[in-house]
Amino acid sequence: MNVFSILFGRIIGRMIGLHVRYFFFRLIGKEVSYEDPLAKKFLSTPLNGQTGPMRLANAAMINALTGGHDYSNGAEQWDGAEQAMVSSTDMNKASNGKFMFKMNVMGWSISNSHYQSWKGAVEGKFGAGKFTVPQEKAALFNYGGMKNKGLIRLSSTAQYGLTIFWNEK
């Protein structure tokens, strides 16, 4: 089961618009709640007034719901720019109180092409030097019931814009 199957499988019989908005905000690298003003704006934007990322979110959902190609390459998880812009004071912490740092609690390995592309996207949006994370790092902690210390559990499968996709080992 891939990340798109999991995410979009939950849509059937539920509030489709909420999930499309969520996917849109993941594409543009923002963490937002469903009640966020940007999310509400997305929902209220007519199709003929949608931006490119809005249309891409809608197209991705249609693609996933109709059995189209899996552009995540079988990913089970995904993350945005928040995982790529870790401050030096948080670099070796499990969490900043808002979200866990996956490199430190799961460990990750990012392919060369995904790493360079993710870095370019993050620094292109937020500025040079904002991308601060290593390409590979073993987990430093067992966290939230996970027993990952010393392991690399995540491997990149795809990278688009500010989002990177993972398979879990």
N, C-alpha and C. Protein backbone atom coordinates (compact mmCIF):
# COMPACT_ATOMS: atom_id res chain seq x y z
N MET A 1 0.86 -1.17 0.00
CA MET A 1 0.00 0.00 0.00
C MET A 1 0.90 1.24 0.00
N ASN A 2 0.71 2.16 -0.93
CA ASN A 2 1.54 3.35 -1.02
C ASN A 2 0.87 4.54 -0.34
N VAL A 3 1.64 5.62 -0.19
CA VAL A 3 1.14 6.80 0.52
C VAL A 3 -0.11 7.37 -0.14
N PHE A 4 -0.17 7.35 -1.47
CA PHE A 4 -1.34 7.89 -2.14
C PHE A 4 -2.55 6.99 -1.93
N SER A 5 -2.34 5.67 -1.95
CA SER A 5 -3.45 4.75 -1.69
C SER A 5 -3.98 4.93 -0.29
N ILE A 6 -3.07 5.06 0.68
CA ILE A 6 -3.48 5.25 2.07
C ILE A 6 -4.23 6.55 2.22
N LEU A 7 -3.62 7.65 1.77
CA LEU A 7 -4.23 8.97 1.93
C LEU A 7 -5.56 9.06 1.19
N PHE A 8 -5.57 8.69 -0.06
CA PHE A 8 -6.77 8.88 -0.85
C PHE A 8 -7.81 7.78 -0.63
N GLY A 9 -7.39 6.63 -0.13
CA GLY A 9 -8.35 5.61 0.23
C GLY A 9 -9.27 6.07 1.35
N ARG A 10 -8.75 6.87 2.23
CA ARG A 10 -9.54 7.40 3.35
C ARG A 10 -10.54 8.45 2.89
N ILE A 11 -10.35 8.95 1.69
CA ILE A 11 -11.23 10.00 1.19
C ILE A 11 -12.61 9.46 0.85
N ILE A 12 -12.66 8.26 0.31
CA ILE A 12 -13.93 7.71 -0.14
C ILE A 12 -14.92 7.72 1.02
N GLY A 13 -16.07 8.28 0.77
CA GLY A 13 -17.11 8.33 1.78
C GLY A 13 -16.90 9.40 2.85
N ARG A 14 -15.82 10.17 2.72
CA ARG A 14 -15.55 11.22 3.70
C ARG A 14 -15.43 12.55 2.98
N MET A 15 -14.91 13.52 3.67
CA MET A 15 -14.84 14.88 3.13
C MET A 15 -13.67 15.03 2.17
N ILE A 16 -13.91 14.78 0.89
CA ILE A 16 -12.88 14.81 -0.13
C ILE A 16 -12.18 16.17 -0.16
N GLY A 17 -12.91 17.24 -0.11
CA GLY A 17 -12.32 18.57 -0.20
C GLY A 17 -11.26 18.83 0.85
N LEU A 18 -11.43 18.32 2.04
CA LEU A 18 -10.45 18.53 3.11
C LEU A 18 -9.12 17.90 2.75
N HIS A 19 -9.15 16.70 2.19
CA HIS A 19 -7.93 16.02 1.84
C HIS A 19 -7.23 16.64 0.64
N VAL A 20 -8.00 17.13 -0.30
CA VAL A 20 -7.39 17.82 -1.44
C VAL A 20 -6.65 19.05 -0.94
N ARG A 21 -7.29 19.79 -0.04
CA ARG A 21 -6.63 20.97 0.51
C ARG A 21 -5.34 20.57 1.22
N TYR A 22 -5.40 19.49 2.00
CA TYR A 22 -4.21 19.04 2.73
C TYR A 22 -3.08 18.73 1.73
N PHE A 23 -3.41 17.99 0.66
CA PHE A 23 -2.40 17.64 -0.33
C PHE A 23 -1.83 18.91 -0.98
N PHE A 24 -2.69 19.87 -1.27
CA PHE A 24 -2.23 21.13 -1.84
C PHE A 24 -1.22 21.80 -0.92
N PHE A 25 -1.50 21.88 0.37
CA PHE A 25 -0.59 22.55 1.29
C PHE A 25 0.69 21.76 1.49
N ARG A 26 0.65 20.43 1.37
CA ARG A 26 1.88 19.64 1.41
C ARG A 26 2.72 19.98 0.17
N LEU A 27 2.09 20.13 -0.98
CA LEU A 27 2.81 20.46 -2.21
C LEU A 27 3.56 21.78 -2.08
N ILE A 28 2.94 22.75 -1.43
CA ILE A 28 3.60 24.05 -1.31
C ILE A 28 4.40 24.17 -0.03
N GLY A 29 4.51 23.05 0.72
CA GLY A 29 5.41 22.99 1.87
C GLY A 29 4.91 23.69 3.11
N LYS A 30 3.62 23.74 3.33
CA LYS A 30 3.08 24.38 4.52
C LYS A 30 2.39 23.35 5.40
N GLU A 31 2.54 23.53 6.70
CA GLU A 31 1.79 22.74 7.67
C GLU A 31 0.59 23.59 8.06
N VAL A 32 -0.60 23.15 7.73
CA VAL A 32 -1.80 23.91 8.06
C VAL A 32 -2.89 22.97 8.55
N SER A 33 -3.77 23.51 9.35
CA SER A 33 -4.93 22.73 9.78
C SER A 33 -6.05 22.93 8.77
N TYR A 34 -7.05 22.10 8.87
CA TYR A 34 -8.18 22.22 7.97
C TYR A 34 -8.96 23.50 8.20
N GLU A 35 -8.79 24.13 9.35
CA GLU A 35 -9.51 25.36 9.66
C GLU A 35 -8.68 26.60 9.34
N ASP A 36 -7.48 26.42 8.85
CA ASP A 36 -6.60 27.53 8.51
C ASP A 36 -7.24 28.39 7.43
N PRO A 37 -7.06 29.71 7.49
CA PRO A 37 -7.63 30.59 6.45
C PRO A 37 -7.19 30.21 5.04
N LEU A 38 -5.94 29.74 4.88
CA LEU A 38 -5.49 29.33 3.54
C LEU A 38 -6.26 28.11 3.06
N ALA A 39 -6.53 27.19 3.98
CA ALA A 39 -7.30 26.00 3.60
C ALA A 39 -8.71 26.39 3.21
N LYS A 40 -9.30 27.29 3.95
CA LYS A 40 -10.66 27.75 3.63
C LYS A 40 -10.68 28.47 2.28
N LYS A 41 -9.61 29.22 2.01
CA LYS A 41 -9.53 29.91 0.72
C LYS A 41 -9.47 28.90 -0.42
N PHE A 42 -8.69 27.83 -0.23
CA PHE A 42 -8.60 26.80 -1.26
C PHE A 42 -9.98 26.21 -1.55
N LEU A 43 -10.70 25.89 -0.50
CA LEU A 43 -12.02 25.28 -0.67
C LEU A 43 -12.98 26.22 -1.38
N SER A 44 -12.85 27.49 -1.11
CA SER A 44 -13.81 28.44 -1.69
C SER A 44 -13.40 28.96 -3.08
N THR A 45 -12.24 28.57 -3.56
CA THR A 45 -11.77 29.03 -4.87
C THR A 45 -12.43 28.21 -5.98
N PRO A 46 -13.13 28.85 -6.91
CA PRO A 46 -13.74 28.09 -8.01
C PRO A 46 -12.66 27.49 -8.91
N LEU A 47 -13.01 26.42 -9.58
CA LEU A 47 -12.04 25.73 -10.43
C LEU A 47 -11.36 26.66 -11.42
N ASN A 48 -12.10 27.57 -12.02
CA ASN A 48 -11.51 28.46 -13.02
C ASN A 48 -10.62 29.53 -12.40
N GLY A 49 -10.57 29.62 -11.08
CA GLY A 49 -9.72 30.60 -10.41
C GLY A 49 -8.56 29.98 -9.65
N GLN A 50 -8.39 28.66 -9.77
CA GLN A 50 -7.35 27.98 -9.00
C GLN A 50 -5.96 28.22 -9.60
N THR A 51 -4.99 28.25 -8.69
CA THR A 51 -3.58 28.40 -9.08
C THR A 51 -3.06 27.06 -9.59
N GLY A 52 -1.84 27.07 -10.11
CA GLY A 52 -1.21 25.84 -10.58
C GLY A 52 -1.13 24.77 -9.50
N PRO A 53 -0.62 25.08 -8.30
CA PRO A 53 -0.59 24.05 -7.26
C PRO A 53 -1.97 23.55 -6.85
N MET A 54 -2.98 24.41 -6.87
CA MET A 54 -4.34 23.97 -6.56
C MET A 54 -4.81 22.95 -7.60
N ARG A 55 -4.58 23.26 -8.89
CA ARG A 55 -4.98 22.35 -9.95
C ARG A 55 -4.20 21.04 -9.87
N LEU A 56 -2.92 21.12 -9.51
CA LEU A 56 -2.10 19.92 -9.37
C LEU A 56 -2.62 19.03 -8.24
N ALA A 57 -3.04 19.63 -7.12
CA ALA A 57 -3.61 18.85 -6.02
C ALA A 57 -4.87 18.12 -6.47
N ASN A 58 -5.73 18.82 -7.21
CA ASN A 58 -6.94 18.19 -7.72
C ASN A 58 -6.60 17.06 -8.69
N ALA A 59 -5.64 17.31 -9.58
CA ALA A 59 -5.25 16.29 -10.56
C ALA A 59 -4.65 15.07 -9.87
N ALA A 60 -3.84 15.30 -8.83
CA ALA A 60 -3.23 14.19 -8.10
C ALA A 60 -4.30 13.32 -7.45
N MET A 61 -5.31 13.95 -6.93
CA MET A 61 -6.38 13.19 -6.30
C MET A 61 -7.15 12.37 -7.33
N ILE A 62 -7.48 12.97 -8.44
CA ILE A 62 -8.18 12.24 -9.49
C ILE A 62 -7.33 11.08 -9.98
N ASN A 63 -6.04 11.32 -10.18
CA ASN A 63 -5.12 10.27 -10.60
C ASN A 63 -5.11 9.11 -9.61
N ALA A 64 -5.00 9.42 -8.32
CA ALA A 64 -4.95 8.37 -7.31
C ALA A 64 -6.26 7.60 -7.22
N LEU A 65 -7.37 8.30 -7.30
CA LEU A 65 -8.68 7.65 -7.18
C LEU A 65 -9.04 6.81 -8.39
N THR A 66 -8.39 7.08 -9.53
CA THR A 66 -8.70 6.32 -10.74
C THR A 66 -7.63 5.30 -11.07
N GLY A 67 -6.73 5.02 -10.11
CA GLY A 67 -5.71 3.98 -10.30
C GLY A 67 -4.56 4.39 -11.18
N GLY A 68 -4.27 5.67 -11.27
CA GLY A 68 -3.17 6.15 -12.10
C GLY A 68 -1.80 5.81 -11.54
N HIS A 69 -0.77 6.25 -12.23
CA HIS A 69 0.61 6.00 -11.84
C HIS A 69 0.88 6.57 -10.44
N ASP A 70 1.65 5.84 -9.67
CA ASP A 70 2.03 6.26 -8.32
C ASP A 70 3.32 7.07 -8.40
N TYR A 71 3.21 8.39 -8.40
CA TYR A 71 4.37 9.26 -8.51
C TYR A 71 5.22 9.29 -7.25
N SER A 72 4.74 8.70 -6.16
CA SER A 72 5.55 8.62 -4.94
C SER A 72 6.46 7.39 -4.97
N ASN A 73 6.30 6.55 -5.99
CA ASN A 73 7.09 5.32 -6.12
C ASN A 73 6.92 4.40 -4.92
N GLY A 74 5.69 4.27 -4.47
CA GLY A 74 5.39 3.35 -3.38
C GLY A 74 5.62 3.91 -1.99
N ALA A 75 5.74 5.21 -1.86
CA ALA A 75 6.02 5.80 -0.55
C ALA A 75 4.94 5.49 0.47
N GLU A 76 5.37 5.44 1.71
CA GLU A 76 4.47 5.21 2.83
C GLU A 76 4.34 6.46 3.71
N GLN A 77 5.25 7.40 3.55
CA GLN A 77 5.24 8.63 4.33
C GLN A 77 5.74 9.78 3.46
N TRP A 78 5.51 10.99 3.91
CA TRP A 78 6.05 12.17 3.23
C TRP A 78 6.27 13.27 4.24
N ASP A 79 7.14 14.19 3.90
CA ASP A 79 7.44 15.34 4.75
C ASP A 79 7.67 16.57 3.90
N GLY A 80 7.53 17.72 4.53
CA GLY A 80 7.74 18.99 3.86
C GLY A 80 9.00 19.68 4.34
N ALA A 81 9.11 20.94 4.01
CA ALA A 81 10.31 21.73 4.29
C ALA A 81 10.64 21.84 5.77
N GLU A 82 9.64 21.66 6.64
CA GLU A 82 9.91 21.76 8.08
C GLU A 82 10.97 20.75 8.53
N GLN A 83 11.06 19.60 7.84
CA GLN A 83 12.06 18.60 8.20
C GLN A 83 13.44 18.92 7.63
N ALA A 84 13.49 19.85 6.70
CA ALA A 84 14.76 20.20 6.06
C ALA A 84 15.40 21.45 6.66
N MET A 85 14.65 22.17 7.47
CA MET A 85 15.13 23.45 8.04
C MET A 85 15.19 23.35 9.56
N VAL A 86 16.11 22.54 10.04
CA VAL A 86 16.24 22.29 11.48
C VAL A 86 17.35 23.20 12.02
N SER A 87 17.04 23.94 13.06
CA SER A 87 18.02 24.87 13.63
C SER A 87 19.17 24.10 14.28
N SER A 88 20.30 24.74 14.44
CA SER A 88 21.45 24.09 15.06
C SER A 88 21.14 23.66 16.50
N THR A 89 20.30 24.41 17.20
CA THR A 89 19.95 24.03 18.57
C THR A 89 19.04 22.81 18.61
N ASP A 90 18.31 22.53 17.52
CA ASP A 90 17.42 21.37 17.47
C ASP A 90 18.01 20.19 16.71
N MET A 91 19.18 20.35 16.12
CA MET A 91 19.74 19.36 15.21
C MET A 91 19.84 17.96 15.82
N ASN A 92 20.05 17.86 17.12
CA ASN A 92 20.18 16.56 17.75
C ASN A 92 19.10 16.31 18.79
N LYS A 93 17.92 16.88 18.57
CA LYS A 93 16.78 16.68 19.45
C LYS A 93 15.75 15.79 18.77
N ALA A 94 14.92 15.15 19.57
CA ALA A 94 13.86 14.31 19.03
C ALA A 94 12.71 15.15 18.47
N SER A 95 12.44 16.30 19.11
CA SER A 95 11.29 17.11 18.75
C SER A 95 11.53 18.55 19.17
N ASN A 96 10.80 19.45 18.54
CA ASN A 96 10.82 20.85 18.97
C ASN A 96 9.56 21.22 19.72
N GLY A 97 8.73 20.22 20.03
CA GLY A 97 7.47 20.46 20.71
C GLY A 97 6.29 20.60 19.77
N LYS A 98 6.57 20.85 18.49
CA LYS A 98 5.51 20.95 17.47
C LYS A 98 5.47 19.70 16.61
N PHE A 99 6.62 19.18 16.26
CA PHE A 99 6.71 17.96 15.47
C PHE A 99 8.04 17.28 15.76
N MET A 100 8.07 15.97 15.48
CA MET A 100 9.31 15.22 15.68
C MET A 100 10.23 15.45 14.48
N PHE A 101 11.52 15.33 14.75
CA PHE A 101 12.51 15.42 13.68
C PHE A 101 12.78 13.99 13.21
N LYS A 102 12.29 13.66 12.04
CA LYS A 102 12.36 12.28 11.57
C LYS A 102 13.78 11.77 11.41
N MET A 103 14.71 12.64 11.04
CA MET A 103 16.09 12.17 10.91
C MET A 103 16.62 11.66 12.25
N ASN A 104 16.11 12.21 13.36
CA ASN A 104 16.60 11.85 14.69
C ASN A 104 15.80 10.77 15.38
N VAL A 105 14.56 10.53 14.95
CA VAL A 105 13.75 9.52 15.62
C VAL A 105 13.46 8.30 14.73
N MET A 106 13.72 8.44 13.42
CA MET A 106 13.55 7.29 12.53
C MET A 106 14.83 7.01 11.74
N GLY A 107 15.64 8.03 11.56
CA GLY A 107 16.82 7.91 10.71
C GLY A 107 16.40 7.93 9.26
N TRP A 108 17.24 8.52 8.40
CA TRP A 108 16.88 8.55 6.99
C TRP A 108 18.09 8.47 6.09
N SER A 109 17.82 8.06 4.87
CA SER A 109 18.81 8.04 3.80
C SER A 109 18.12 8.62 2.56
N ILE A 110 18.71 9.67 2.01
CA ILE A 110 18.12 10.37 0.87
C ILE A 110 19.04 10.17 -0.33
N SER A 111 18.48 9.76 -1.46
CA SER A 111 19.29 9.58 -2.66
C SER A 111 19.92 10.91 -3.06
N ASN A 112 20.99 10.84 -3.82
CA ASN A 112 21.69 12.06 -4.25
C ASN A 112 20.75 13.01 -5.00
N SER A 113 19.99 12.47 -5.96
CA SER A 113 19.12 13.35 -6.76
C SER A 113 18.00 13.96 -5.91
N HIS A 114 17.42 13.18 -5.02
CA HIS A 114 16.36 13.72 -4.15
C HIS A 114 16.92 14.77 -3.20
N TYR A 115 18.10 14.51 -2.68
CA TYR A 115 18.72 15.45 -1.73
C TYR A 115 19.00 16.79 -2.42
N GLN A 116 19.62 16.74 -3.59
CA GLN A 116 19.95 17.98 -4.30
C GLN A 116 18.69 18.74 -4.72
N SER A 117 17.69 18.01 -5.17
CA SER A 117 16.45 18.65 -5.59
C SER A 117 15.69 19.26 -4.42
N TRP A 118 15.62 18.53 -3.29
CA TRP A 118 14.94 19.05 -2.10
C TRP A 118 15.66 20.28 -1.57
N LYS A 119 16.99 20.21 -1.52
CA LYS A 119 17.78 21.36 -1.07
C LYS A 119 17.53 22.57 -1.97
N GLY A 120 17.55 22.35 -3.27
CA GLY A 120 17.31 23.46 -4.20
C GLY A 120 15.93 24.07 -4.03
N ALA A 121 14.92 23.24 -3.83
CA ALA A 121 13.56 23.74 -3.65
C ALA A 121 13.42 24.53 -2.35
N VAL A 122 13.97 23.99 -1.27
CA VAL A 122 13.87 24.66 0.04
C VAL A 122 14.62 25.98 0.02
N GLU A 123 15.86 25.96 -0.48
CA GLU A 123 16.64 27.20 -0.50
C GLU A 123 16.10 28.19 -1.53
N GLY A 124 15.50 27.69 -2.60
CA GLY A 124 14.88 28.57 -3.57
C GLY A 124 13.69 29.32 -2.98
N LYS A 125 12.98 28.68 -2.09
CA LYS A 125 11.80 29.30 -1.47
C LYS A 125 12.17 30.13 -0.23
N PHE A 126 13.07 29.60 0.61
CA PHE A 126 13.33 30.22 1.91
C PHE A 126 14.69 30.90 2.03
N GLY A 127 15.58 30.71 1.06
CA GLY A 127 16.88 31.38 1.07
C GLY A 127 18.05 30.44 1.27
N ALA A 128 19.20 30.88 0.77
CA ALA A 128 20.44 30.09 0.87
C ALA A 128 20.76 29.81 2.33
N GLY A 129 21.21 28.60 2.59
CA GLY A 129 21.59 28.21 3.93
C GLY A 129 20.45 27.74 4.82
N LYS A 130 19.20 27.81 4.33
CA LYS A 130 18.05 27.39 5.14
C LYS A 130 17.91 25.87 5.20
N PHE A 131 18.42 25.17 4.19
CA PHE A 131 18.41 23.71 4.18
C PHE A 131 19.59 23.25 5.03
N THR A 132 19.33 22.60 6.15
CA THR A 132 20.39 22.34 7.13
C THR A 132 20.63 20.88 7.46
N VAL A 133 19.90 19.98 6.87
CA VAL A 133 19.94 18.58 7.31
C VAL A 133 20.90 17.74 6.47
N PRO A 134 21.42 16.65 7.08
CA PRO A 134 22.32 15.77 6.33
C PRO A 134 21.57 14.84 5.40
N GLN A 135 22.30 14.29 4.45
CA GLN A 135 21.70 13.36 3.49
C GLN A 135 21.38 12.02 4.13
N GLU A 136 22.16 11.63 5.10
CA GLU A 136 21.93 10.37 5.79
C GLU A 136 22.23 10.54 7.27
N LYS A 137 21.37 9.96 8.10
CA LYS A 137 21.58 10.04 9.53
C LYS A 137 20.81 8.91 10.21
N ALA A 138 21.47 8.22 11.12
CA ALA A 138 20.81 7.19 11.91
C ALA A 138 20.04 7.86 13.04
N ALA A 139 18.93 7.24 13.45
CA ALA A 139 18.11 7.77 14.53
C ALA A 139 18.94 7.87 15.82
N LEU A 140 18.74 8.95 16.54
CA LEU A 140 19.44 9.17 17.80
C LEU A 140 18.63 8.73 19.01
N PHE A 141 17.32 8.55 18.80
CA PHE A 141 16.41 8.32 19.91
C PHE A 141 15.41 7.21 19.62
N ASN A 142 14.96 6.56 20.68
CA ASN A 142 13.71 5.80 20.66
C ASN A 142 12.67 6.82 21.09
N TYR A 143 11.60 6.94 20.35
CA TYR A 143 10.68 8.04 20.57
C TYR A 143 9.25 7.57 20.35
N GLY A 144 8.37 7.96 21.23
CA GLY A 144 6.94 7.68 21.05
C GLY A 144 6.63 6.21 20.81
N GLY A 145 7.31 5.33 21.49
CA GLY A 145 7.08 3.90 21.32
C GLY A 145 7.87 3.27 20.19
N MET A 146 8.56 4.08 19.40
CA MET A 146 9.38 3.54 18.31
C MET A 146 10.75 3.14 18.86
N LYS A 147 11.27 2.03 18.40
CA LYS A 147 12.59 1.54 18.82
C LYS A 147 13.54 1.64 17.64
N ASN A 148 13.94 2.87 17.31
CA ASN A 148 14.73 3.12 16.11
C ASN A 148 16.16 3.56 16.37
N LYS A 149 16.54 3.78 17.62
CA LYS A 149 17.87 4.32 17.91
C LYS A 149 18.95 3.51 17.20
N GLY A 150 19.80 4.23 16.46
CA GLY A 150 20.89 3.61 15.71
C GLY A 150 20.49 3.09 14.34
N LEU A 151 19.23 3.18 13.99
CA LEU A 151 18.73 2.64 12.72
C LEU A 151 18.46 3.74 11.70
N ILE A 152 18.44 3.36 10.44
CA ILE A 152 17.96 4.21 9.35
C ILE A 152 16.72 3.53 8.82
N ARG A 153 15.56 4.09 9.13
CA ARG A 153 14.28 3.47 8.79
C ARG A 153 13.64 4.05 7.53
N LEU A 154 14.02 5.27 7.14
CA LEU A 154 13.39 5.93 6.00
C LEU A 154 14.37 6.03 4.83
N SER A 155 13.88 5.68 3.65
CA SER A 155 14.63 5.84 2.40
C SER A 155 13.77 6.65 1.44
N SER A 156 14.37 7.66 0.83
CA SER A 156 13.60 8.51 -0.08
C SER A 156 13.18 7.71 -1.32
N THR A 157 11.96 7.99 -1.78
CA THR A 157 11.44 7.34 -2.98
C THR A 157 11.12 8.35 -4.09
N ALA A 158 10.85 9.59 -3.70
CA ALA A 158 10.53 10.63 -4.67
C ALA A 158 10.65 11.98 -3.97
N GLN A 159 10.76 13.02 -4.77
CA GLN A 159 10.86 14.37 -4.21
C GLN A 159 10.27 15.32 -5.24
N TYR A 160 9.29 16.13 -4.80
CA TYR A 160 8.65 17.12 -5.66
C TYR A 160 8.51 18.41 -4.88
N GLY A 161 9.03 19.49 -5.42
CA GLY A 161 8.92 20.79 -4.74
C GLY A 161 9.50 20.72 -3.35
N LEU A 162 8.72 21.11 -2.38
CA LEU A 162 9.17 21.13 -0.99
C LEU A 162 8.90 19.82 -0.26
N THR A 163 8.40 18.82 -0.97
CA THR A 163 7.99 17.57 -0.33
C THR A 163 8.89 16.42 -0.73
N ILE A 164 9.23 15.59 0.26
CA ILE A 164 10.00 14.37 0.02
C ILE A 164 9.16 13.19 0.49
N PHE A 165 9.26 12.08 -0.24
CA PHE A 165 8.48 10.87 0.04
C PHE A 165 9.41 9.76 0.51
N TRP A 166 8.89 8.91 1.38
CA TRP A 166 9.71 7.88 2.04
C TRP A 166 9.07 6.49 2.00
N ASN A 167 9.94 5.48 1.95
CA ASN A 167 9.58 4.12 2.30
C ASN A 167 10.18 3.84 3.66
N GLU A 168 9.46 3.07 4.44
CA GLU A 168 9.92 2.72 5.78
C GLU A 168 10.45 1.30 5.77
N LYS A 169 11.65 1.13 6.32
CA LYS A 169 12.28 -0.21 6.40
C LYS A 169 11.85 -0.89 7.67
